[in-house]
PDB file of N, CA and C in Angstrom:
ATOM      1  N   MET A   1      15.591 -46.763   0.549  1.00  0.00           N
ATOM      2  CA  MET A   1      16.291 -45.485   0.480  1.00  0.00           C
ATOM      3  C   MET A   1      15.623 -44.701  -0.700  1.00  0.00           C
ATOM      4  N   LYS A   2      15.480 -43.370  -0.350  1.00  0.00           N
ATOM      5  CA  LYS A   2      14.895 -42.511  -1.255  1.00  0.00           C
ATOM      6  C   LYS A   2      16.000 -41.840  -1.997  1.00  0.00           C
ATOM      7  N   PRO A   3      15.778 -41.459  -3.338  1.00  0.00           N
ATOM      8  CA  PRO A   3      16.759 -40.753  -4.064  1.00  0.00           C
ATOM      9  C   PRO A   3      16.728 -39.208  -3.650  1.00  0.00           C
ATOM     10  N   ALA A   4      17.845 -38.604  -3.717  1.00  0.00           N
ATOM     11  CA  ALA A   4      17.891 -37.187  -3.333  1.00  0.00           C
ATOM     12  C   ALA A   4      16.969 -36.334  -4.244  1.00  0.00           C
ATOM     13  N   ARG A   5      16.323 -35.171  -3.667  1.00  0.00           N
ATOM     14  CA  ARG A   5      15.648 -34.451  -4.464  1.00  0.00           C
ATOM     15  C   ARG A   5      16.444 -33.580  -5.440  1.00  0.00           C
ATOM     16  N   VAL A   6      15.813 -33.358  -6.623  1.00  0.00           N
ATOM     17  CA  VAL A   6      16.524 -32.510  -7.568  1.00  0.00           C
ATOM     18  C   VAL A   6      15.985 -31.193  -7.632  1.00  0.00           C
ATOM     19  N   VAL A   7      16.833 -30.256  -7.481  1.00  0.00           N
ATOM     20  CA  VAL A   7      16.300 -28.904  -7.443  1.00  0.00           C
ATOM     21  C   VAL A   7      16.693 -28.261  -8.800  1.00  0.00           C
ATOM     22  N   ARG A   8      15.503 -27.844  -9.450  1.00  0.00           N
ATOM     23  CA  ARG A   8      15.691 -27.263 -10.800  1.00  0.00           C
ATOM     24  C   ARG A   8      15.610 -25.773 -10.746  1.00  0.00           C
ATOM     25  N   ALA A   9      16.491 -25.114 -11.553  1.00  0.00           N
ATOM     26  CA  ALA A   9      16.453 -23.634 -11.714  1.00  0.00           C
ATOM     27  C   ALA A   9      15.207 -23.315 -12.432  1.00  0.00           C
ATOM     28  N   ARG A  10      14.622 -22.096 -12.158  1.00  0.00           N
ATOM     29  CA  ARG A  10      13.392 -21.648 -12.951  1.00  0.00           C
ATOM     30  C   ARG A  10      13.894 -21.346 -14.548  1.00  0.00           C
ATOM     31  N   THR A  11      13.081 -21.757 -15.295  1.00  0.00           N
ATOM     32  CA  THR A  11      13.275 -21.464 -16.755  1.00  0.00           C
ATOM     33  C   THR A  11      12.931 -20.054 -17.140  1.00  0.00           C
ATOM     34  N   ALA A  12      12.139 -19.410 -16.518  1.00  0.00           N
ATOM     35  CA  ALA A  12      11.762 -17.987 -16.864  1.00  0.00           C
ATOM     36  C   ALA A  12      12.098 -17.011 -15.756  1.00  0.00           C
ATOM     37  N   ALA A  13      12.668 -15.894 -16.169  1.00  0.00           N
ATOM     38  CA  ALA A  13      13.053 -14.929 -15.154  1.00  0.00           C
ATOM     39  C   ALA A  13      11.796 -14.425 -14.279  1.00  0.00           C
ATOM     40  N   ALA A  14      12.074 -14.286 -12.957  1.00  0.00           N
ATOM     41  CA  ALA A  14      10.929 -13.752 -12.163  1.00  0.00           C
ATOM     42  C   ALA A  14      10.491 -12.414 -12.670  1.00  0.00           C
ATOM     43  N   VAL A  15       9.303 -12.183 -12.635  1.00  0.00           N
ATOM     44  CA  VAL A  15       8.749 -10.916 -13.161  1.00  0.00           C
ATOM     45  C   VAL A  15       8.447 -10.005 -11.760  1.00  0.00           C
ATOM     46  N   ALA A  16       8.961  -8.913 -11.738  1.00  0.00           N
ATOM     47  CA  ALA A  16       8.766  -7.884 -10.739  1.00  0.00           C
ATOM     48  C   ALA A  16       7.162  -7.445 -10.725  1.00  0.00           C
ATOM     49  N   THR A  17       6.757  -7.723  -9.663  1.00  0.00           N
ATOM     50  CA  THR A  17       5.278  -7.158  -9.517  1.00  0.00           C
ATOM     51  C   THR A  17       5.276  -5.591  -9.227  1.00  0.00           C
ATOM     52  N   THR A  18       4.288  -5.021  -9.764  1.00  0.00           N
ATOM     53  CA  THR A  18       4.087  -3.551  -9.512  1.00  0.00           C
ATOM     54  C   THR A  18       2.651  -3.245  -9.011  1.00  0.00           C
ATOM     55  N   THR A  19       2.572  -2.118  -8.418  1.00  0.00           N
ATOM     56  CA  THR A  19       1.256  -1.738  -7.927  1.00  0.00           C
ATOM     57  C   THR A  19       0.496  -1.316  -9.242  1.00  0.00           C
ATOM     58  N   SER A  20      -0.685  -1.825  -9.398  1.00  0.00           N
ATOM     59  CA  SER A  20      -1.486  -1.608 -10.490  1.00  0.00           C
ATOM     60  C   SER A  20      -2.051  -0.115 -10.522  1.00  0.00           C
ATOM     61  N   THR A  21      -2.107   0.568 -11.722  1.00  0.00           N
ATOM     62  CA  THR A  21      -2.637   1.824 -11.783  1.00  0.00           C
ATOM     63  C   THR A  21      -4.058   1.878 -12.351  1.00  0.00           C
ATOM     64  N   SER A  22      -4.484   0.522 -12.583  1.00  0.00           N
ATOM     65  CA  SER A  22      -5.932   0.249 -12.974  1.00  0.00           C
ATOM     66  C   SER A  22      -6.519  -0.923 -12.221  1.00  0.00           C
ATOM     67  N   GLY A  23      -7.713  -0.968 -12.096  1.00  0.00           N
ATOM     68  CA  GLY A  23      -8.388  -2.161 -11.506  1.00  0.00           C
ATOM     69  C   GLY A  23      -8.451  -2.105  -9.890  1.00  0.00           C
ATOM     70  N   ARG A  24      -8.258  -3.290  -9.388  1.00  0.00           N
ATOM     71  CA  ARG A  24      -8.443  -3.513  -7.983  1.00  0.00           C
ATOM     72  C   ARG A  24      -7.379  -2.775  -7.288  1.00  0.00           C
ATOM     73  N   GLY A  25      -6.074  -2.718  -7.721  1.00  0.00           N
ATOM     74  CA  GLY A  25      -5.119  -2.166  -6.887  1.00  0.00           C
ATOM     75  C   GLY A  25      -5.153  -0.646  -6.880  1.00  0.00           C
ATOM     76  N   ALA A  26      -5.657  -0.193  -7.932  1.00  0.00           N
ATOM     77  CA  ALA A  26      -5.863   1.379  -8.076  1.00  0.00           C
ATOM     78  C   ALA A  26      -7.012   1.714  -7.045  1.00  0.00           C
ATOM     79  N   GLU A  27      -8.173   0.891  -7.087  1.00  0.00           N
ATOM     80  CA  GLU A  27      -9.280   1.236  -6.222  1.00  0.00           C
ATOM     81  C   GLU A  27      -8.891   1.131  -4.769  1.00  0.00           C
ATOM     82  N   ALA A  28      -8.117   0.226  -4.257  1.00  0.00           N
ATOM     83  CA  ALA A  28      -7.550   0.041  -3.089  1.00  0.00           C
ATOM     84  C   ALA A  28      -6.659   1.224  -2.681  1.00  0.00           C
ATOM     85  N   PHE A  29      -5.849   1.716  -3.607  1.00  0.00           N
ATOM     86  CA  PHE A  29      -4.902   2.846  -3.233  1.00  0.00           C
ATOM     87  C   PHE A  29      -5.912   4.010  -3.058  1.00  0.00           C
ATOM     88  N   HIS A  30      -6.811   4.216  -4.046  1.00  0.00           N
ATOM     89  CA  HIS A  30      -7.722   5.454  -3.834  1.00  0.00           C
ATOM     90  C   HIS A  30      -8.447   5.340  -2.623  1.00  0.00           C
ATOM     91  N   LYS A  31      -8.907   4.276  -2.150  1.00  0.00           N
ATOM     92  CA  LYS A  31      -9.741   4.089  -0.844  1.00  0.00           C
ATOM     93  C   LYS A  31      -8.767   4.537   0.301  1.00  0.00           C
ATOM     94  N   GLY A  32      -7.590   4.151   0.204  1.00  0.00           N
ATOM     95  CA  GLY A  32      -6.528   4.278   1.246  1.00  0.00           C
ATOM     96  C   GLY A  32      -6.259   5.782   1.333  1.00  0.00           C
ATOM     97  N   VAL A  33      -6.038   6.488   0.171  1.00  0.00           N
ATOM     98  CA  VAL A  33      -5.870   7.971   0.212  1.00  0.00           C
ATOM     99  C   VAL A  33      -7.067   8.763   0.711  1.00  0.00           C
ATOM    100  N   GLN A  34      -8.213   8.146   0.352  1.00  0.00           N
ATOM    101  CA  GLN A  34      -9.429   8.912   0.974  1.00  0.00           C
ATOM    102  C   GLN A  34      -9.467   8.813   2.311  1.00  0.00           C
ATOM    103  N   ALA A  35      -9.156   7.497   2.902  1.00  0.00           N
ATOM    104  CA  ALA A  35      -9.163   7.252   4.342  1.00  0.00           C
ATOM    105  C   ALA A  35      -8.136   8.186   5.083  1.00  0.00           C
ATOM    106  N   LEU A  36      -6.906   8.256   4.500  1.00  0.00           N
ATOM    107  CA  LEU A  36      -5.977   9.045   4.963  1.00  0.00           C
ATOM    108  C   LEU A  36      -6.367  10.516   5.037  1.00  0.00           C
ATOM    109  N   ARG A  37      -6.820  10.944   3.999  1.00  0.00           N
ATOM    110  CA  ARG A  37      -7.339  12.384   3.883  1.00  0.00           C
ATOM    111  C   ARG A  37      -8.272  12.661   5.039  1.00  0.00           C
ATOM    112  N   GLN A  38      -9.345  11.816   5.160  1.00  0.00           N
ATOM    113  CA  GLN A  38     -10.285  11.907   6.129  1.00  0.00           C
ATOM    114  C   GLN A  38      -9.675  12.005   7.615  1.00  0.00           C
ATOM    115  N   TYR A  39      -8.810  11.071   7.763  1.00  0.00           N
ATOM    116  CA  TYR A  39      -8.084  10.938   9.047  1.00  0.00           C
ATOM    117  C   TYR A  39      -7.373  12.351   9.416  1.00  0.00           C
ATOM    118  N   ILE A  40      -6.632  12.823   8.447  1.00  0.00           N
ATOM    119  CA  ILE A  40      -5.889  13.988   8.738  1.00  0.00           C
ATOM    120  C   ILE A  40      -6.751  15.164   8.921  1.00  0.00           C
ATOM    121  N   ALA A  41      -7.830  15.359   8.214  1.00  0.00           N
ATOM    122  CA  ALA A  41      -8.891  16.328   8.269  1.00  0.00           C
ATOM    123  C   ALA A  41      -9.424  16.377   9.762  1.00  0.00           C
ATOM    124  N   ARG A  42      -9.691  15.143  10.298  1.00  0.00           N
ATOM    125  CA  ARG A  42     -10.317  15.005  11.663  1.00  0.00           C
ATOM    126  C   ARG A  42      -9.218  15.238  12.657  1.00  0.00           C
ATOM    127  N   GLU A  43      -8.165  14.622  12.585  1.00  0.00           N
ATOM    128  CA  GLU A  43      -7.234  14.567  13.638  1.00  0.00           C
ATOM    129  C   GLU A  43      -6.117  15.770  13.564  1.00  0.00           C
ATOM    130  N   GLY A  44      -6.150  16.424  12.446  1.00  0.00           N
ATOM    131  CA  GLY A  44      -5.096  17.615  12.279  1.00  0.00           C
ATOM    132  C   GLY A  44      -3.799  17.241  11.849  1.00  0.00           C
ATOM    133  N   GLY A  45      -3.567  16.023  11.478  1.00  0.00           N
ATOM    134  CA  GLY A  45      -2.318  15.489  11.053  1.00  0.00           C
ATOM    135  C   GLY A  45      -1.823  14.342  11.702  1.00  0.00           C
ATOM    136  N   GLY A  46      -0.562  13.948  11.413  1.00  0.00           N
ATOM    137  CA  GLY A  46       0.069  12.762  12.199  1.00  0.00           C
ATOM    138  C   GLY A  46      -0.296  11.499  11.577  1.00  0.00           C
ATOM    139  N   ALA A  47       0.330  10.492  11.883  1.00  0.00           N
ATOM    140  CA  ALA A  47       0.154   9.229  11.204  1.00  0.00           C
ATOM    141  C   ALA A  47      -0.737   8.309  12.189  1.00  0.00           C
ATOM    142  N   PRO A  48      -1.716   7.506  11.677  1.00  0.00           N
ATOM    143  CA  PRO A  48      -2.508   6.712  12.472  1.00  0.00           C
ATOM    144  C   PRO A  48      -1.727   5.490  13.082  1.00  0.00           C
ATOM    145  N   ALA A  49      -2.192   5.072  14.164  1.00  0.00           N
ATOM    146  CA  ALA A  49      -1.606   3.820  14.693  1.00  0.00           C
ATOM    147  C   ALA A  49      -1.767   2.627  13.668  1.00  0.00           C
ATOM    148  N   ARG A  50      -0.995   1.613  13.862  1.00  0.00           N
ATOM    149  CA  ARG A  50      -1.084   0.477  12.846  1.00  0.00           C
ATOM    150  C   ARG A  50      -2.455  -0.209  13.111  1.00  0.00           C
ATOM    151  N   SER A  51      -3.120  -0.189  14.171  1.00  0.00           N
ATOM    152  CA  SER A  51      -4.344  -0.824  14.336  1.00  0.00           C
ATOM    153  C   SER A  51      -5.523  -0.100  14.073  1.00  0.00           C
ATOM    154  N   HIS A  52      -5.357   1.221  13.682  1.00  0.00           N
ATOM    155  CA  HIS A  52      -6.457   2.160  13.444  1.00  0.00           C
ATOM    156  C   HIS A  52      -7.204   1.723  12.299  1.00  0.00           C
ATOM    157  N   VAL A  53      -8.648   1.817  12.354  1.00  0.00           N
ATOM    158  CA  VAL A  53      -9.444   1.428  11.406  1.00  0.00           C
ATOM    159  C   VAL A  53     -10.343   2.797  11.079  1.00  0.00           C
ATOM    160  N   GLU A  54     -10.294   3.296   9.857  1.00  0.00           N
ATOM    161  CA  GLU A  54     -11.140   4.389   9.467  1.00  0.00           C
ATOM    162  C   GLU A  54     -12.373   4.111   8.735  1.00  0.00           C
ATOM    163  N   ARG A  55     -13.595   4.618   9.263  1.00  0.00           N
ATOM    164  CA  ARG A  55     -14.709   4.470   8.608  1.00  0.00           C
ATOM    165  C   ARG A  55     -14.986   5.553   7.619  1.00  0.00           C
ATOM    166  N   LEU A  56     -15.262   5.097   6.299  1.00  0.00           N
ATOM    167  CA  LEU A  56     -15.451   5.968   5.266  1.00  0.00           C
ATOM    168  C   LEU A  56     -16.836   6.384   5.087  1.00  0.00           C
ATOM    169  N   THR A  57     -17.098   7.497   4.434  1.00  0.00           N
ATOM    170  CA  THR A  57     -18.409   7.929   4.242  1.00  0.00           C
ATOM    171  C   THR A  57     -19.396   7.136   3.541  1.00  0.00           C
ATOM    172  N   ASP A  58     -18.861   6.156   2.805  1.00  0.00           N
ATOM    173  CA  ASP A  58     -19.679   5.212   2.093  1.00  0.00           C
ATOM    174  C   ASP A  58     -20.002   4.044   3.065  1.00  0.00           C
ATOM    175  N   GLY A  59     -19.549   4.009   4.322  1.00  0.00           N
ATOM    176  CA  GLY A  59     -19.842   2.872   5.241  1.00  0.00           C
ATOM    177  C   GLY A  59     -18.854   1.891   5.396  1.00  0.00           C
ATOM    178  N   THR A  60     -17.936   1.893   4.399  1.00  0.00           N
ATOM    179  CA  THR A  60     -16.861   0.799   4.482  1.00  0.00           C
ATOM    180  C   THR A  60     -15.795   1.203   5.456  1.00  0.00           C
ATOM    181  N   GLU A  61     -15.072   0.214   5.901  1.00  0.00           N
ATOM    182  CA  GLU A  61     -14.037   0.453   6.818  1.00  0.00           C
ATOM    183  C   GLU A  61     -12.699   0.153   6.219  1.00  0.00           C
ATOM    184  N   HIS A  62     -11.666   0.905   6.553  1.00  0.00           N
ATOM    185  CA  HIS A  62     -10.425   0.878   5.963  1.00  0.00           C
ATOM    186  C   HIS A  62      -9.334   0.765   6.946  1.00  0.00           C
ATOM    187  N   ARG A  63      -8.559  -0.227   6.980  1.00  0.00           N
ATOM    188  CA  ARG A  63      -7.381  -0.435   8.009  1.00  0.00           C
ATOM    189  C   ARG A  63      -6.185   0.509   7.710  1.00  0.00           C
ATOM    190  N   MET A  64      -6.369   1.615   8.115  1.00  0.00           N
ATOM    191  CA  MET A  64      -5.448   2.754   7.845  1.00  0.00           C
ATOM    192  C   MET A  64      -3.931   2.412   8.085  1.00  0.00           C
ATOM    193  N   GLY A  65      -3.798   2.010   9.523  1.00  0.00           N
ATOM    194  CA  GLY A  65      -2.441   1.779   9.892  1.00  0.00           C
ATOM    195  C   GLY A  65      -1.711   0.706   9.000  1.00  0.00           C
ATOM    196  N   VAL A  66      -2.404  -0.401   8.828  1.00  0.00           N
ATOM    197  CA  VAL A  66      -1.924  -1.505   8.067  1.00  0.00           C
ATOM    198  C   VAL A  66      -1.553  -1.021   6.600  1.00  0.00           C
ATOM    199  N   TRP A  67      -2.568  -0.379   6.096  1.00  0.00           N
ATOM    200  CA  TRP A  67      -2.509   0.130   4.582  1.00  0.00           C
ATOM    201  C   TRP A  67      -1.212   1.043   4.549  1.00  0.00           C
ATOM    202  N   LEU A  68      -1.045   1.944   5.536  1.00  0.00           N
ATOM    203  CA  LEU A  68       0.087   2.980   5.466  1.00  0.00           C
ATOM    204  C   LEU A  68       1.377   2.205   5.555  1.00  0.00           C
ATOM    205  N   ALA A  69       1.486   1.191   6.492  1.00  0.00           N
ATOM    206  CA  ALA A  69       2.697   0.382   6.523  1.00  0.00           C
ATOM    207  C   ALA A  69       3.051  -0.306   5.340  1.00  0.00           C
ATOM    208  N   LYS A  70       2.017  -0.886   4.665  1.00  0.00           N
ATOM    209  CA  LYS A  70       2.267  -1.633   3.328  1.00  0.00           C
ATOM    210  C   LYS A  70       2.697  -0.666   2.246  1.00  0.00           C
ATOM    211  N   GLN A  71       2.133   0.534   2.251  1.00  0.00           N
ATOM    212  CA  GLN A  71       2.572   1.624   1.244  1.00  0.00           C
ATOM    213  C   GLN A  71       4.109   1.729   1.448  1.00  0.00           C
ATOM    214  N   ARG A  72       4.422   1.911   2.691  1.00  0.00           N
ATOM    215  CA  ARG A  72       5.934   2.292   3.010  1.00  0.00           C
ATOM    216  C   ARG A  72       6.709   0.975   2.586  1.00  0.00           C
ATOM    217  N   GLN A  73       6.357  -0.217   2.766  1.00  0.00           N
ATOM    218  CA  GLN A  73       7.038  -1.356   2.219  1.00  0.00           C
ATOM    219  C   GLN A  73       7.219  -1.401   0.824  1.00  0.00           C
ATOM    220  N   ARG A  74       6.099  -1.019   0.133  1.00  0.00           N
ATOM    221  CA  ARG A  74       6.057  -1.022  -1.352  1.00  0.00           C
ATOM    222  C   ARG A  74       6.482   0.184  -2.031  1.00  0.00           C
ATOM    223  N   ARG A  75       6.964   1.154  -1.272  1.00  0.00           N
ATOM    224  CA  ARG A  75       7.279   2.480  -1.805  1.00  0.00           C
ATOM    225  C   ARG A  75       8.119   2.567  -3.183  1.00  0.00           C
ATOM    226  N   ASP A  76       8.897   1.514  -3.245  1.00  0.00           N
ATOM    227  CA  ASP A  76       9.780   1.449  -4.517  1.00  0.00           C
ATOM    228  C   ASP A  76       9.124   0.971  -5.741  1.00  0.00           C
ATOM    229  N   ARG A  77       7.763   0.325  -5.489  1.00  0.00           N
ATOM    230  CA  ARG A  77       7.041  -0.054  -6.466  1.00  0.00           C
ATOM    231  C   ARG A  77       5.833   0.879  -6.837  1.00  0.00           C
ATOM    232  N   LEU A  78       5.533   1.972  -6.102  1.00  0.00           N
ATOM    233  CA  LEU A  78       4.599   2.941  -6.324  1.00  0.00           C
ATOM    234  C   LEU A  78       4.913   3.814  -7.537  1.00  0.00           C
ATOM    235  N   ASP A  79       3.953   4.028  -8.251  1.00  0.00           N
ATOM    236  CA  ASP A  79       4.186   5.013  -9.483  1.00  0.00           C
ATOM    237  C   ASP A  79       4.301   6.400  -9.055  1.00  0.00           C
ATOM    238  N   ALA A  80       4.575   7.344  -9.875  1.00  0.00           N
ATOM    239  CA  ALA A  80       4.844   8.829  -9.495  1.00  0.00           C
ATOM    240  C   ALA A  80       3.576   9.358  -9.033  1.00  0.00           C
ATOM    241  N   HIS A  81       2.419   9.026  -9.619  1.00  0.00           N
ATOM    242  CA  HIS A  81       1.206   9.703  -9.230  1.00  0.00           C
ATOM    243  C   HIS A  81       0.766   9.306  -7.865  1.00  0.00           C
ATOM    244  N   GLN A  82       1.086   7.992  -7.509  1.00  0.00           N
ATOM    245  CA  GLN A  82       0.793   7.547  -6.045  1.00  0.00           C
ATOM    246  C   GLN A  82       1.669   8.185  -5.010  1.00  0.00           C
ATOM    247  N   LEU A  83       3.012   8.421  -5.477  1.00  0.00           N
ATOM    248  CA  LEU A  83       3.946   9.047  -4.499  1.00  0.00           C
ATOM    249  C   LEU A  83       3.609  10.431  -4.390  1.00  0.00           C
ATOM    250  N   VAL A  84       3.154  11.175  -5.387  1.00  0.00           N
ATOM    251  CA  VAL A  84       2.761  12.538  -5.271  1.00  0.00           C
ATOM    252  C   VAL A  84       1.354  12.542  -4.345  1.00  0.00           C
ATOM    253  N   ALA A  85       0.345  11.662  -4.490  1.00  0.00           N
ATOM    254  CA  ALA A  85      -0.617  11.740  -3.827  1.00  0.00           C
ATOM    255  C   ALA A  85      -0.404  11.522  -2.287  1.00  0.00           C
ATOM    256  N   LEU A  86       0.545  10.665  -1.919  1.00  0.00           N
ATOM    257  CA  LEU A  86       0.908  10.555  -0.481  1.00  0.00           C
ATOM    258  C   LEU A  86       1.706  11.716  -0.094  1.00  0.00           C
ATOM    259  N   ALA A  87       2.542  12.237  -0.841  1.00  0.00           N
ATOM    260  CA  ALA A  87       3.425  13.358  -0.487  1.00  0.00           C
ATOM    261  C   ALA A  87       2.544  14.601  -0.162  1.00  0.00           C
ATOM    262  N   GLU A  88       1.426  14.740  -0.902  1.00  0.00           N
ATOM    263  CA  GLU A  88       0.444  15.883  -0.694  1.00  0.00           C
ATOM    264  C   GLU A  88      -0.152  15.779   0.590  1.00  0.00           C
ATOM    265  N   LEU A  89      -0.225  14.680   1.203  1.00  0.00           N
ATOM    266  CA  LEU A  89      -0.921  14.246   2.540  1.00  0.00           C
ATOM    267  C   LEU A  89       0.167  14.224   3.560  1.00  0.00           C
ATOM    268  N   GLY A  90       1.427  14.596   3.188  1.00  0.00           N
ATOM    269  CA  GLY A  90       2.494  14.760   4.267  1.00  0.00           C
ATOM    270  C   GLY A  90       3.231  13.431   4.470  1.00  0.00           C
ATOM    271  N   VAL A  91       2.942  12.431   3.663  1.00  0.00           N
ATOM    272  CA  VAL A  91       3.786  11.223   3.885  1.00  0.00           C
ATOM    273  C   VAL A  91       5.005  11.186   2.911  1.00  0.00           C
ATOM    274  N   ASN A  92       6.046  11.235   3.566  1.00  0.00           N
ATOM    275  CA  ASN A  92       7.423  11.385   2.873  1.00  0.00           C
ATOM    276  C   ASN A  92       8.315  10.358   3.585  1.00  0.00           C
ATOM    277  N   TRP A  93       8.811   9.415   2.774  1.00  0.00           N
ATOM    278  CA  TRP A  93       9.809   8.352   3.359  1.00  0.00           C
ATOM    279  C   TRP A  93      11.257   8.680   2.819  1.00  0.00           C
ATOM    280  N   ALA A  94      12.223   8.612   3.500  1.00  0.00           N
ATOM    281  CA  ALA A  94      13.513   8.604   2.945  1.00  0.00           C
ATOM    282  C   ALA A  94      13.742   7.379   2.328  1.00  0.00           C
ATOM    283  N   GLN A  95      14.260   7.474   1.157  1.00  0.00           N
ATOM    284  CA  GLN A  95      14.599   6.056   0.531  1.00  0.00           C
ATOM    285  C   GLN A  95      15.880   5.560   0.799  1.00  0.00           C
TER     286      GLN A  95
END
């Protein structure tokens, strides 16, 4: 017979993750905004399909639809500058 598993409580409080305003997170957000701006300029507005991939001027590809969906999921963790950048491109989500 095996003894029952002991479940222990965490000793430290969970730290809420936030979207970084510097480093890789900021770079990814900047590329996403750049890709969305390019998409809107070409298509005249609207939201890209989830599977849409946008090719940027530097040759890289950005998965626009997935990125936009993730920004919506993380909207409560975006800082004010990021929310303003998205709002300027017509992305507004009711909270």
